[in-house]
Amino acid sequence: MHIRSIAGAAWASMAFGMAMPAGAHGTAETVTPNFQHAIPNVPGRSLTAVVVDYAPGAASPEHRHAGSAFVYAYVVSGDIESQVNDGPKRVYHAGESFFEEPGAVHRVSRNASEKRPARLLAVFVADTNDKVLTTPVK
């Protein structure tokens, strides 16, 4: 069981662990693997969770997730501004959540505050074989 936890953390780290630069402030998000496990009653699918920490003013670059990934996002603390596809930009506050359909482009994901940090829990339901779940849009 311990080996499986280590392997899962290593896998999630490869999929999410690289913080990427974020615009004018030169700050990026920090992504920490939280949970990864195959869904036993849905063969070929896994549930993966990561915690995304944003320093004040930090942002993620525009990105998309694996084509199989449904993403549920929950704002743990602070305020997160988000825009998915061509939908409206919206600020989500601690306790609020949103989702991304498979294949969606996450155009804006940033800390809405220049003074306070923010934290987001992102939960992915995706094909187990999808090793890279987040890709920057070029």
Protein backbone atom coordinates (compact mmCIF):
# COMPACT_ATOMS: atom_id res chain seq x y z
CA MET A 1 0.00 0.00 0.00
CA HIS A 2 2.82 2.41 0.88
CA ILE A 3 4.53 1.70 -2.48
CA ARG A 4 1.27 2.46 -4.30
CA SER A 5 1.01 5.82 -2.49
CA ILE A 6 4.57 6.71 -3.47
CA ALA A 7 3.97 5.66 -7.08
CA GLY A 8 0.73 7.65 -7.20
CA ALA A 9 2.42 10.74 -5.79
CA ALA A 10 5.24 10.40 -8.31
CA TRP A 11 2.75 10.04 -11.17
CA ALA A 12 0.73 13.05 -10.04
CA SER A 13 3.91 15.03 -9.59
CA MET A 14 4.91 14.31 -13.19
CA ALA A 15 1.46 15.28 -14.42
CA PHE A 16 1.16 18.49 -12.41
CA GLY A 17 4.33 19.29 -10.51
CA MET A 18 5.84 21.85 -12.82
CA ALA A 19 4.88 25.41 -11.88
CA MET A 20 4.82 27.61 -14.95
CA PRO A 21 5.52 31.33 -15.22
CA ALA A 22 2.49 33.55 -15.04
CA GLY A 23 2.42 36.85 -16.78
CA ALA A 24 3.52 40.28 -15.64
CA HIS A 25 4.16 39.57 -11.97
CA GLY A 26 6.64 36.81 -12.74
CA THR A 27 4.92 34.57 -10.22
CA ALA A 28 3.41 31.18 -10.84
CA GLU A 29 1.09 28.81 -9.14
CA THR A 30 2.40 25.96 -7.02
CA VAL A 31 0.75 22.61 -7.72
CA THR A 32 0.91 19.89 -5.05
CA PRO A 33 -0.39 16.36 -5.68
CA ASN A 34 -3.09 15.43 -3.15
CA PHE A 35 -4.66 12.13 -4.24
CA GLN A 36 -4.60 9.69 -7.15
CA HIS A 37 -6.47 6.39 -7.42
CA ALA A 38 -8.09 4.22 -10.05
CA ILE A 39 -11.89 4.18 -9.80
CA PRO A 40 -12.63 0.51 -9.09
CA ASN A 41 -16.15 0.41 -10.52
CA VAL A 42 -15.24 2.42 -13.66
CA PRO A 43 -12.47 0.47 -15.41
CA GLY A 44 -9.88 2.63 -17.15
CA ARG A 45 -10.75 5.82 -15.21
CA SER A 46 -8.90 7.46 -12.31
CA LEU A 47 -9.58 10.26 -9.86
CA THR A 48 -6.71 12.67 -9.28
CA ALA A 49 -6.70 15.69 -6.98
CA VAL A 50 -4.16 18.50 -6.74
CA VAL A 51 -3.94 21.61 -4.58
CA VAL A 52 -3.10 24.80 -6.50
CA ASP A 53 -1.64 27.64 -4.41
CA TYR A 54 -1.52 31.14 -5.85
CA ALA A 55 0.65 33.83 -4.32
CA PRO A 56 -0.88 37.32 -4.38
CA GLY A 57 -1.25 38.36 -8.02
CA ALA A 58 -0.14 34.95 -9.36
CA ALA A 59 -1.76 33.27 -12.34
CA SER A 60 -1.61 30.10 -14.40
CA PRO A 61 -0.92 30.34 -18.11
CA GLU A 62 -3.79 29.54 -20.46
CA HIS A 63 -4.07 25.75 -20.55
CA ARG A 64 -6.20 22.74 -21.40
CA HIS A 65 -6.56 19.41 -19.69
CA ALA A 66 -6.48 15.92 -21.15
CA GLY A 67 -9.34 15.32 -23.58
CA SER A 68 -10.81 12.69 -21.26
CA ALA A 69 -10.66 14.88 -18.13
CA PHE A 70 -13.69 16.27 -16.35
CA VAL A 71 -12.40 18.80 -13.81
CA TYR A 72 -14.13 19.94 -10.62
CA ALA A 73 -12.52 22.94 -8.90
CA TYR A 74 -13.22 24.07 -5.33
CA VAL A 75 -11.87 27.35 -3.92
CA VAL A 76 -10.43 26.46 -0.52
CA SER A 77 -9.34 30.00 0.41
CA GLY A 78 -9.08 33.43 -1.15
CA ASP A 79 -10.61 34.48 -4.46
CA ILE A 80 -9.92 32.90 -7.86
CA GLU A 81 -10.77 34.54 -11.17
CA SER A 82 -11.55 31.96 -13.83
CA GLN A 83 -12.66 31.81 -17.44
CA VAL A 84 -13.34 28.52 -19.22
CA ASN A 85 -13.59 28.51 -23.03
CA ASP A 86 -15.38 31.67 -24.18
CA GLY A 87 -17.59 31.88 -21.09
CA PRO A 88 -17.60 34.94 -18.86
CA LYS A 89 -14.75 35.70 -16.48
CA ARG A 90 -15.94 35.17 -12.93
CA VAL A 91 -14.42 35.51 -9.47
CA TYR A 92 -15.07 32.51 -7.21
CA HIS A 93 -14.75 32.96 -3.46
CA ALA A 94 -13.78 30.45 -0.76
CA GLY A 95 -16.43 27.72 -0.61
CA GLU A 96 -17.53 28.13 -4.26
CA SER A 97 -16.80 25.72 -7.08
CA PHE A 98 -16.88 25.36 -10.86
CA PHE A 99 -16.16 22.66 -13.45
CA GLU A 100 -14.52 22.19 -16.82
CA GLU A 101 -15.87 19.84 -19.46
CA PRO A 102 -13.43 17.47 -21.22
CA GLY A 103 -11.44 19.35 -23.86
CA ALA A 104 -12.19 22.81 -22.42
CA VAL A 105 -9.59 25.58 -22.51
CA HIS A 106 -8.97 27.31 -19.17
CA ARG A 107 -8.24 30.81 -20.46
CA VAL A 108 -7.96 32.59 -17.10
CA SER A 109 -7.02 31.08 -13.75
CA ARG A 110 -5.53 33.55 -11.30
CA ASN A 111 -5.57 34.89 -7.80
CA ALA A 112 -8.00 37.81 -7.88
CA SER A 113 -6.14 39.50 -5.00
CA GLU A 114 -2.84 41.36 -5.18
CA LYS A 115 -2.52 41.15 -1.37
CA ARG A 116 -3.73 37.71 -0.18
CA PRO A 117 -2.87 34.18 -1.30
CA ALA A 118 -5.51 31.84 -2.73
CA ARG A 119 -5.87 28.05 -2.78
CA LEU A 120 -7.83 25.82 -5.15
CA LEU A 121 -8.51 22.06 -5.03
CA ALA A 122 -8.76 20.60 -8.54
CA VAL A 123 -10.23 17.11 -8.93
CA PHE A 124 -9.84 15.29 -12.25
CA VAL A 125 -11.78 12.27 -13.48
CA ALA A 126 -9.80 11.07 -16.49
CA ASP A 127 -8.60 8.05 -18.41
CA THR A 128 -6.00 6.23 -16.33
CA ASN A 129 -3.64 6.17 -19.33
CA ASP A 130 -3.62 9.98 -19.62
CA LYS A 131 -0.27 10.74 -17.98
CA VAL A 132 -0.20 14.48 -18.74
CA LEU A 133 -3.38 16.12 -17.49
CA THR A 134 -2.43 19.80 -17.98
CA THR A 135 -0.90 21.32 -21.12
CA PRO A 136 -0.21 25.03 -21.79
CA VAL A 137 -1.99 26.52 -24.81
CA LYS A 138 0.54 28.01 -27.19
